[in-house]
């Protein structure tokens, strides 16, 4: 991906290479948009400072604001990581409201859009982007930007192809896991049993892993996995049956 960067870059130490930025809709971008403000979506930029390139996670609403923000940091958008197909994460129509997303981004930047294989038809249908423009991935695939590797973690439950992203001790968890609660399992493509299994897999991550959710549904914007598993009620049931009784409907 580094061939996109045409400007000379200053030397960056390996410890400082990771570029990681959390942006909140209605505050950091899409300011004044009532839907963006109400939905409190997080968009993330993950990149390599030395290469001057980054990936945008779930660009939606004011996409141009997002591109402008990372470009102001000296970064170039080299790709998109999509957690799942819902319009507030990738663009499309939601409750008769049109949301800019990856379709608008591709008009401004030529880059791959990385989605979990099971999510390809859903993302294409929601965004209007052709399936041929989407890069389908298997669980455990790695997407690299410069020298920074992002591991794709398939976490079905909220949608068939929901995925999270692991990078340098950080988990970008989309709508699979919030600091308080988890994604809904009563929407098209959702599966409560799969959500339980996905949450249990995430709970095995090291306790020091920092969780960065897809929405700000809590006062804090991030937290350690140890704190989330201790305080979040979705981890209290001891079995799948108990979980389905409490959260499956």
C-alpha atoms as a PDB file:
ATOM      1  CA  UNK A   1       0.000   0.000   0.000  1.00  0.00           C
ATOM      2  CA  UNK A   2       2.938   2.316   0.490  1.00  0.00           C
ATOM      3  CA  UNK A   3       3.066   3.243  -3.186  1.00  0.00           C
ATOM      4  CA  UNK A   4       0.232   5.729  -2.554  1.00  0.00           C
ATOM      5  CA  UNK A   5       2.468   7.967  -0.460  1.00  0.00           C
ATOM      6  CA  UNK A   6       4.287  10.377  -2.739  1.00  0.00           C
ATOM      7  CA  UNK A   7       5.490  12.904  -0.150  1.00  0.00           C
ATOM      8  CA  UNK A   8       8.792  12.348   1.672  1.00  0.00           C
ATOM      9  CA  UNK A   9       8.286  11.072   5.195  1.00  0.00           C
ATOM     10  CA  UNK A  10      10.312  11.798   8.312  1.00  0.00           C
ATOM     11  CA  UNK A  11      11.948   8.861  10.065  1.00  0.00           C
ATOM     12  CA  UNK A  12       9.614   7.311  12.654  1.00  0.00           C
ATOM     13  CA  UNK A  13      10.782   4.976  15.426  1.00  0.00           C
ATOM     14  CA  UNK A  14       9.184   1.534  15.454  1.00  0.00           C
ATOM     15  CA  UNK A  15       7.541   2.244  18.821  1.00  0.00           C
ATOM     16  CA  UNK A  16       5.773   5.272  17.341  1.00  0.00           C
ATOM     17  CA  UNK A  17       4.693   3.771  14.030  1.00  0.00           C
ATOM     18  CA  UNK A  18       1.125   2.936  14.968  1.00  0.00           C
ATOM     19  CA  UNK A  19      -1.384   5.631  14.041  1.00  0.00           C
ATOM     20  CA  UNK A  20      -4.642   5.017  15.914  1.00  0.00           C
ATOM     21  CA  UNK A  21      -7.405   7.582  16.096  1.00  0.00           C
ATOM     22  CA  UNK A  22     -10.948   7.312  17.458  1.00  0.00           C
ATOM     23  CA  UNK A  23     -13.502   9.722  15.964  1.00  0.00           C
ATOM     24  CA  UNK A  24     -17.038  10.258  17.298  1.00  0.00           C
ATOM     25  CA  UNK A  25     -19.937  11.132  14.996  1.00  0.00           C
ATOM     26  CA  UNK A  26     -21.567  14.463  15.770  1.00  0.00           C
ATOM     27  CA  UNK A  27     -18.498  15.660  17.654  1.00  0.00           C
ATOM     28  CA  UNK A  28     -15.397  14.970  15.550  1.00  0.00           C
ATOM     29  CA  UNK A  29     -17.169  14.659  12.194  1.00  0.00           C
ATOM     30  CA  UNK A  30     -20.684  15.154  10.845  1.00  0.00           C
ATOM     31  CA  UNK A  31     -21.075  18.018  13.312  1.00  0.00           C
ATOM     32  CA  UNK A  32     -24.632  19.329  13.219  1.00  0.00           C
ATOM     33  CA  UNK A  33     -26.048  16.125  11.720  1.00  0.00           C
ATOM     34  CA  UNK A  34     -28.837  15.121  14.150  1.00  0.00           C
ATOM     35  CA  UNK A  35     -28.794  11.433  13.168  1.00  0.00           C
ATOM     36  CA  UNK A  36     -25.013  11.163  13.435  1.00  0.00           C
ATOM     37  CA  UNK A  37     -25.159  12.889  16.807  1.00  0.00           C
ATOM     38  CA  UNK A  38     -27.910  10.598  18.065  1.00  0.00           C
ATOM     39  CA  UNK A  39     -26.258   7.391  16.846  1.00  0.00           C
ATOM     40  CA  UNK A  40     -22.869   8.200  18.464  1.00  0.00           C
ATOM     41  CA  UNK A  41     -20.920   6.032  16.037  1.00  0.00           C
ATOM     42  CA  UNK A  42     -17.187   5.642  16.386  1.00  0.00           C
ATOM     43  CA  UNK A  43     -14.986   5.597  13.288  1.00  0.00           C
ATOM     44  CA  UNK A  44     -11.375   4.509  13.649  1.00  0.00           C
ATOM     45  CA  UNK A  45      -8.269   5.284  11.655  1.00  0.00           C
ATOM     46  CA  UNK A  46      -5.504   2.675  11.914  1.00  0.00           C
ATOM     47  CA  UNK A  47      -2.238   3.200  10.130  1.00  0.00           C
ATOM     48  CA  UNK A  48       1.522   3.384   9.901  1.00  0.00           C
ATOM     49  CA  UNK A  49       2.971   6.841  10.547  1.00  0.00           C
ATOM     50  CA  UNK A  50       6.200   6.012   8.733  1.00  0.00           C
ATOM     51  CA  UNK A  51       4.338   4.898   5.590  1.00  0.00           C
ATOM     52  CA  UNK A  52       1.819   7.732   5.903  1.00  0.00           C
ATOM     53  CA  UNK A  53      -1.101   5.394   5.233  1.00  0.00           C
ATOM     54  CA  UNK A  54      -4.149   4.342   7.212  1.00  0.00           C
ATOM     55  CA  UNK A  55      -7.294   2.238   7.081  1.00  0.00           C
ATOM     56  CA  UNK A  56     -10.685   3.695   8.010  1.00  0.00           C
ATOM     57  CA  UNK A  57     -12.948   1.461  10.074  1.00  0.00           C
ATOM     58  CA  UNK A  58     -16.666   1.914   9.297  1.00  0.00           C
ATOM     59  CA  UNK A  59     -16.581   5.298   7.506  1.00  0.00           C
ATOM     60  CA  UNK A  60     -20.111   6.711   7.444  1.00  0.00           C
ATOM     61  CA  UNK A  61     -22.008  10.003   7.640  1.00  0.00           C
ATOM     62  CA  UNK A  62     -19.663  12.851   6.626  1.00  0.00           C
ATOM     63  CA  UNK A  63     -17.035  10.757   4.853  1.00  0.00           C
ATOM     64  CA  UNK A  64     -15.253  13.802   3.490  1.00  0.00           C
ATOM     65  CA  UNK A  65     -14.781  15.041   7.070  1.00  0.00           C
ATOM     66  CA  UNK A  66     -13.065  11.755   7.910  1.00  0.00           C
ATOM     67  CA  UNK A  67     -10.719  11.862   4.945  1.00  0.00           C
ATOM     68  CA  UNK A  68      -9.900  15.501   5.676  1.00  0.00           C
ATOM     69  CA  UNK A  69      -9.153  14.654   9.313  1.00  0.00           C
ATOM     70  CA  UNK A  70      -6.582  11.953   8.550  1.00  0.00           C
ATOM     71  CA  UNK A  71      -5.065  13.952   5.718  1.00  0.00           C
ATOM     72  CA  UNK A  72      -4.557  16.811   8.171  1.00  0.00           C
ATOM     73  CA  UNK A  73      -2.476  14.319  10.177  1.00  0.00           C
ATOM     74  CA  UNK A  74      -0.347  13.629   7.103  1.00  0.00           C
ATOM     75  CA  UNK A  75      -2.018  10.284   6.369  1.00  0.00           C
ATOM     76  CA  UNK A  76      -3.488   8.872   3.175  1.00  0.00           C
ATOM     77  CA  UNK A  77      -6.506   6.537   3.213  1.00  0.00           C
ATOM     78  CA  UNK A  78      -5.278   3.203   1.865  1.00  0.00           C
ATOM     79  CA  UNK A  79      -8.310   1.032   2.591  1.00  0.00           C
ATOM     80  CA  UNK A  80     -11.519   0.434   4.517  1.00  0.00           C
ATOM     81  CA  UNK A  81     -12.250  -2.142   7.196  1.00  0.00           C
ATOM     82  CA  UNK A  82     -15.967  -2.847   7.599  1.00  0.00           C
ATOM     83  CA  UNK A  83     -17.220  -4.429  10.818  1.00  0.00           C
ATOM     84  CA  UNK A  84     -20.667  -5.176   9.353  1.00  0.00           C
ATOM     85  CA  UNK A  85     -23.238  -4.070   6.803  1.00  0.00           C
ATOM     86  CA  UNK A  86     -25.533  -1.700   8.719  1.00  0.00           C
ATOM     87  CA  UNK A  87     -25.895   1.744   7.100  1.00  0.00           C
ATOM     88  CA  UNK A  88     -24.593   3.654  10.113  1.00  0.00           C
ATOM     89  CA  UNK A  89     -21.288   1.816   9.603  1.00  0.00           C
ATOM     90  CA  UNK A  90     -20.904   1.592   5.817  1.00  0.00           C
ATOM     91  CA  UNK A  91     -23.526   3.985   4.427  1.00  0.00           C
ATOM     92  CA  UNK A  92     -26.904   3.467   2.814  1.00  0.00           C
ATOM     93  CA  UNK A  93     -30.502   4.168   3.721  1.00  0.00           C
ATOM     94  CA  UNK A  94     -31.701   3.931   7.315  1.00  0.00           C
ATOM     95  CA  UNK A  95     -35.213   4.914   8.376  1.00  0.00           C
ATOM     96  CA  UNK A  96     -35.589   6.929   5.153  1.00  0.00           C
ATOM     97  CA  UNK A  97     -32.379   8.802   5.967  1.00  0.00           C
ATOM     98  CA  UNK A  98     -29.494   8.602   3.490  1.00  0.00           C
ATOM     99  CA  UNK A  99     -26.057   8.082   5.027  1.00  0.00           C
ATOM    100  CA  UNK A 100     -22.826   8.611   3.107  1.00  0.00           C
ATOM    101  CA  UNK A 101     -20.416   5.701   3.378  1.00  0.00           C
ATOM    102  CA  UNK A 102     -18.020   3.587   1.390  1.00  0.00           C
ATOM    103  CA  UNK A 103     -19.691   4.478  -1.917  1.00  0.00           C
ATOM    104  CA  UNK A 104     -18.866   8.139  -1.351  1.00  0.00           C
ATOM    105  CA  UNK A 105     -15.392   7.268  -0.100  1.00  0.00           C
ATOM    106  CA  UNK A 106     -14.608   5.348  -3.285  1.00  0.00           C
ATOM    107  CA  UNK A 107     -15.540   8.420  -5.314  1.00  0.00           C
ATOM    108  CA  UNK A 108     -12.747  10.301  -3.563  1.00  0.00           C
ATOM    109  CA  UNK A 109     -10.189   7.577  -2.848  1.00  0.00           C
ATOM    110  CA  UNK A 110      -9.375   4.426  -4.812  1.00  0.00           C
ATOM    111  CA  UNK A 111      -8.835   1.728  -2.197  1.00  0.00           C
ATOM    112  CA  UNK A 112      -9.934  -1.797  -1.224  1.00  0.00           C
ATOM    113  CA  UNK A 113     -12.909  -2.354   1.079  1.00  0.00           C
ATOM    114  CA  UNK A 114     -12.207  -5.303   3.385  1.00  0.00           C
ATOM    115  CA  UNK A 115     -15.234  -7.294   4.553  1.00  0.00           C
ATOM    116  CA  UNK A 116     -15.816 -10.733   6.008  1.00  0.00           C
ATOM    117  CA  UNK A 117     -16.811 -13.165   3.253  1.00  0.00           C
ATOM    118  CA  UNK A 118     -20.275 -13.850   4.706  1.00  0.00           C
ATOM    119  CA  UNK A 119     -20.966 -10.105   4.739  1.00  0.00           C
ATOM    120  CA  UNK A 120     -20.159  -9.392   1.064  1.00  0.00           C
ATOM    121  CA  UNK A 121     -23.724  -9.600  -0.328  1.00  0.00           C
ATOM    122  CA  UNK A 122     -25.109  -7.659   2.617  1.00  0.00           C
ATOM    123  CA  UNK A 123     -22.600  -4.814   2.248  1.00  0.00           C
ATOM    124  CA  UNK A 124     -23.125  -4.687  -1.505  1.00  0.00           C
ATOM    125  CA  UNK A 125     -26.912  -4.540  -1.138  1.00  0.00           C
ATOM    126  CA  UNK A 126     -26.789  -1.879   1.575  1.00  0.00           C
ATOM    127  CA  UNK A 127     -24.208   0.428  -0.011  1.00  0.00           C
ATOM    128  CA  UNK A 128     -24.809  -0.094  -3.733  1.00  0.00           C
ATOM    129  CA  UNK A 129     -21.121  -0.915  -4.150  1.00  0.00           C
ATOM    130  CA  UNK A 130     -20.524  -3.830  -6.518  1.00  0.00           C
ATOM    131  CA  UNK A 131     -19.382  -7.089  -4.928  1.00  0.00           C
ATOM    132  CA  UNK A 132     -16.357  -6.975  -7.226  1.00  0.00           C
ATOM    133  CA  UNK A 133     -15.190  -3.856  -5.379  1.00  0.00           C
ATOM    134  CA  UNK A 134     -15.236  -5.633  -2.010  1.00  0.00           C
ATOM    135  CA  UNK A 135     -12.297  -7.693  -0.719  1.00  0.00           C
ATOM    136  CA  UNK A 136     -13.681 -10.857   0.894  1.00  0.00           C
ATOM    137  CA  UNK A 137     -11.803 -12.287   3.884  1.00  0.00           C
ATOM    138  CA  UNK A 138     -11.732 -15.451   5.943  1.00  0.00           C
ATOM    139  CA  UNK A 139     -11.509 -15.527   9.752  1.00  0.00           C
ATOM    140  CA  UNK A 140      -7.991 -14.827  10.934  1.00  0.00           C
ATOM    141  CA  UNK A 141      -6.870 -13.005   7.803  1.00  0.00           C
ATOM    142  CA  UNK A 142      -4.403 -10.166   8.279  1.00  0.00           C
ATOM    143  CA  UNK A 143      -4.658  -6.812   6.520  1.00  0.00           C
ATOM    144  CA  UNK A 144      -1.435  -4.822   6.579  1.00  0.00           C
ATOM    145  CA  UNK A 145      -0.963  -1.098   6.203  1.00  0.00           C
ATOM    146  CA  UNK A 146       2.713  -0.310   6.029  1.00  0.00           C
ATOM    147  CA  UNK A 147       4.316  -2.376   8.797  1.00  0.00           C
ATOM    148  CA  UNK A 148       1.132  -2.440  10.912  1.00  0.00           C
ATOM    149  CA  UNK A 149      -0.826  -5.710  10.861  1.00  0.00           C
ATOM    150  CA  UNK A 150      -4.539  -5.876  11.629  1.00  0.00           C
ATOM    151  CA  UNK A 151      -6.002  -9.301  12.430  1.00  0.00           C
ATOM    152  CA  UNK A 152      -9.605  -9.884  11.326  1.00  0.00           C
ATOM    153  CA  UNK A 153     -11.684 -11.708  13.938  1.00  0.00           C
ATOM    154  CA  UNK A 154     -14.986 -13.160  12.683  1.00  0.00           C
ATOM    155  CA  UNK A 155     -17.656 -12.578  15.336  1.00  0.00           C
ATOM    156  CA  UNK A 156     -21.087 -13.486  13.927  1.00  0.00           C
ATOM    157  CA  UNK A 157     -24.196 -12.805  15.943  1.00  0.00           C
ATOM    158  CA  UNK A 158     -25.141  -9.199  15.284  1.00  0.00           C
ATOM    159  CA  UNK A 159     -24.860  -9.981  11.550  1.00  0.00           C
ATOM    160  CA  UNK A 160     -23.575 -13.087   9.715  1.00  0.00           C
ATOM    161  CA  UNK A 161     -20.244 -11.494   8.826  1.00  0.00           C
ATOM    162  CA  UNK A 162     -19.642  -9.197  11.768  1.00  0.00           C
ATOM    163  CA  UNK A 163     -15.941  -8.901  12.468  1.00  0.00           C
ATOM    164  CA  UNK A 164     -13.635  -7.217  14.966  1.00  0.00           C
ATOM    165  CA  UNK A 165     -10.091  -5.997  14.431  1.00  0.00           C
ATOM    166  CA  UNK A 166      -7.046  -6.694  16.594  1.00  0.00           C
ATOM    167  CA  UNK A 167      -4.048  -4.390  16.364  1.00  0.00           C
ATOM    168  CA  UNK A 168      -1.262  -3.838  18.873  1.00  0.00           C
ATOM    169  CA  UNK A 169      -3.235  -4.833  21.971  1.00  0.00           C
ATOM    170  CA  UNK A 170      -6.389  -3.039  20.830  1.00  0.00           C
ATOM    171  CA  UNK A 171      -9.698  -4.616  19.830  1.00  0.00           C
ATOM    172  CA  UNK A 172     -11.978  -2.566  17.587  1.00  0.00           C
ATOM    173  CA  UNK A 173     -15.181  -4.424  18.389  1.00  0.00           C
ATOM    174  CA  UNK A 174     -17.816  -2.813  16.160  1.00  0.00           C
ATOM    175  CA  UNK A 175     -21.336  -3.743  17.242  1.00  0.00           C
ATOM    176  CA  UNK A 176     -20.315  -7.136  18.577  1.00  0.00           C
ATOM    177  CA  UNK A 177     -19.221  -5.856  21.977  1.00  0.00           C
ATOM    178  CA  UNK A 178     -19.828  -2.536  23.714  1.00  0.00           C
ATOM    179  CA  UNK A 179     -18.378  -1.539  27.055  1.00  0.00           C
ATOM    180  CA  UNK A 180     -21.913  -2.053  28.357  1.00  0.00           C
ATOM    181  CA  UNK A 181     -24.000  -4.583  26.420  1.00  0.00           C
ATOM    182  CA  UNK A 182     -23.594  -6.066  22.965  1.00  0.00           C
ATOM    183  CA  UNK A 183     -25.110  -5.676  19.517  1.00  0.00           C
ATOM    184  CA  UNK A 184     -28.777  -6.462  18.895  1.00  0.00           C
ATOM    185  CA  UNK A 185     -29.660  -9.999  17.865  1.00  0.00           C
ATOM    186  CA  UNK A 186     -33.206  -9.356  16.619  1.00  0.00           C
ATOM    187  CA  UNK A 187     -32.278  -7.780  13.266  1.00  0.00           C
ATOM    188  CA  UNK A 188     -32.015  -9.490   9.830  1.00  0.00           C
ATOM    189  CA  UNK A 189     -29.086 -11.889   9.769  1.00  0.00           C
ATOM    190  CA  UNK A 190     -28.636 -11.876  13.546  1.00  0.00           C
ATOM    191  CA  UNK A 191     -28.248 -15.034  15.610  1.00  0.00           C
ATOM    192  CA  UNK A 192     -28.304 -14.974  19.440  1.00  0.00           C
ATOM    193  CA  UNK A 193     -26.513 -18.311  19.811  1.00  0.00           C
ATOM    194  CA  UNK A 194     -23.688 -17.182  17.541  1.00  0.00           C
ATOM    195  CA  UNK A 195     -23.443 -13.937  19.494  1.00  0.00           C
ATOM    196  CA  UNK A 196     -22.897 -15.905  22.702  1.00  0.00           C
ATOM    197  CA  UNK A 197     -20.110 -17.913  21.066  1.00  0.00           C
ATOM    198  CA  UNK A 198     -18.494 -14.768  19.647  1.00  0.00           C
ATOM    199  CA  UNK A 199     -18.546 -13.030  23.030  1.00  0.00           C
ATOM    200  CA  UNK A 200     -16.995 -16.057  24.674  1.00  0.00           C
ATOM    201  CA  UNK A 201     -14.155 -16.033  22.128  1.00  0.00           C
ATOM    202  CA  UNK A 202     -13.502 -12.345  22.747  1.00  0.00           C
ATOM    203  CA  UNK A 203     -13.468 -12.965  26.500  1.00  0.00           C
ATOM    204  CA  UNK A 204     -10.376 -15.168  26.066  1.00  0.00           C
ATOM    205  CA  UNK A 205      -8.290 -12.189  24.917  1.00  0.00           C
ATOM    206  CA  UNK A 206      -5.707 -10.894  27.397  1.00  0.00           C
ATOM    207  CA  UNK A 207      -7.273  -8.749  30.103  1.00  0.00           C
ATOM    208  CA  UNK A 208      -5.055  -5.800  29.168  1.00  0.00           C
ATOM    209  CA  UNK A 209      -6.525  -5.675  25.650  1.00  0.00           C
ATOM    210  CA  UNK A 210      -8.162  -2.290  25.135  1.00  0.00           C
ATOM    211  CA  UNK A 211     -11.717  -2.512  23.760  1.00  0.00           C
ATOM    212  CA  UNK A 212     -12.815   0.205  21.339  1.00  0.00           C
ATOM    213  CA  UNK A 213     -16.535  -0.204  20.496  1.00  0.00           C
ATOM    214  CA  UNK A 214     -18.568   0.859  17.476  1.00  0.00           C
ATOM    215  CA  UNK A 215     -20.801   3.235  19.472  1.00  0.00           C
ATOM    216  CA  UNK A 216     -20.379   5.369  22.561  1.00  0.00           C
ATOM    217  CA  UNK A 217     -23.111   3.786  24.644  1.00  0.00           C
ATOM    218  CA  UNK A 218     -21.255   4.420  27.904  1.00  0.00           C
ATOM    219  CA  UNK A 219     -19.479   7.332  29.548  1.00  0.00           C
ATOM    220  CA  UNK A 220     -16.069   5.899  28.720  1.00  0.00           C
ATOM    221  CA  UNK A 221     -14.938   5.570  25.108  1.00  0.00           C
ATOM    222  CA  UNK A 222     -12.754   2.510  25.699  1.00  0.00           C
ATOM    223  CA  UNK A 223     -11.864   0.058  28.439  1.00  0.00           C
ATOM    224  CA  UNK A 224      -9.786  -3.008  29.186  1.00  0.00           C
ATOM    225  CA  UNK A 225     -11.147  -6.432  28.373  1.00  0.00           C
ATOM    226  CA  UNK A 226     -10.705  -7.351  32.037  1.00  0.00           C
ATOM    227  CA  UNK A 227     -12.983  -4.505  33.106  1.00  0.00           C
ATOM    228  CA  UNK A 228     -15.523  -5.195  30.354  1.00  0.00           C
ATOM    229  CA  UNK A 229     -15.840  -8.899  31.151  1.00  0.00           C
ATOM    230  CA  UNK A 230     -16.201  -8.107  34.849  1.00  0.00           C
ATOM    231  CA  UNK A 231     -18.758  -5.299  34.523  1.00  0.00           C
ATOM    232  CA  UNK A 232     -20.701  -6.053  31.339  1.00  0.00           C
ATOM    233  CA  UNK A 233     -23.870  -8.034  32.025  1.00  0.00           C
ATOM    234  CA  UNK A 234     -23.571 -10.033  28.784  1.00  0.00           C
ATOM    235  CA  UNK A 235     -20.735 -12.008  30.394  1.00  0.00           C
ATOM    236  CA  UNK A 236     -22.653 -12.971  33.544  1.00  0.00           C
ATOM    237  CA  UNK A 237     -24.543 -16.047  32.243  1.00  0.00           C
ATOM    238  CA  UNK A 238     -22.538 -19.219  32.843  1.00  0.00           C
ATOM    239  CA  UNK A 239     -23.891 -21.128  29.843  1.00  0.00           C
ATOM    240  CA  UNK A 240     -25.341 -20.602  26.403  1.00  0.00           C
ATOM    241  CA  UNK A 241     -28.792 -21.625  27.632  1.00  0.00           C
ATOM    242  CA  UNK A 242     -28.676 -19.035  30.393  1.00  0.00           C
ATOM    243  CA  UNK A 243     -27.467 -16.409  27.971  1.00  0.00           C
ATOM    244  CA  UNK A 244     -30.254 -17.174  25.492  1.00  0.00           C
ATOM    245  CA  UNK A 245     -32.829 -16.944  28.286  1.00  0.00           C
ATOM    246  CA  UNK A 246     -31.552 -13.510  29.271  1.00  0.00           C
ATOM    247  CA  UNK A 247     -30.531 -12.007  25.932  1.00  0.00           C
ATOM    248  CA  UNK A 248     -31.842 -14.241  23.181  1.00  0.00           C
ATOM    249  CA  UNK A 249     -35.210 -12.570  22.567  1.00  0.00           C
END
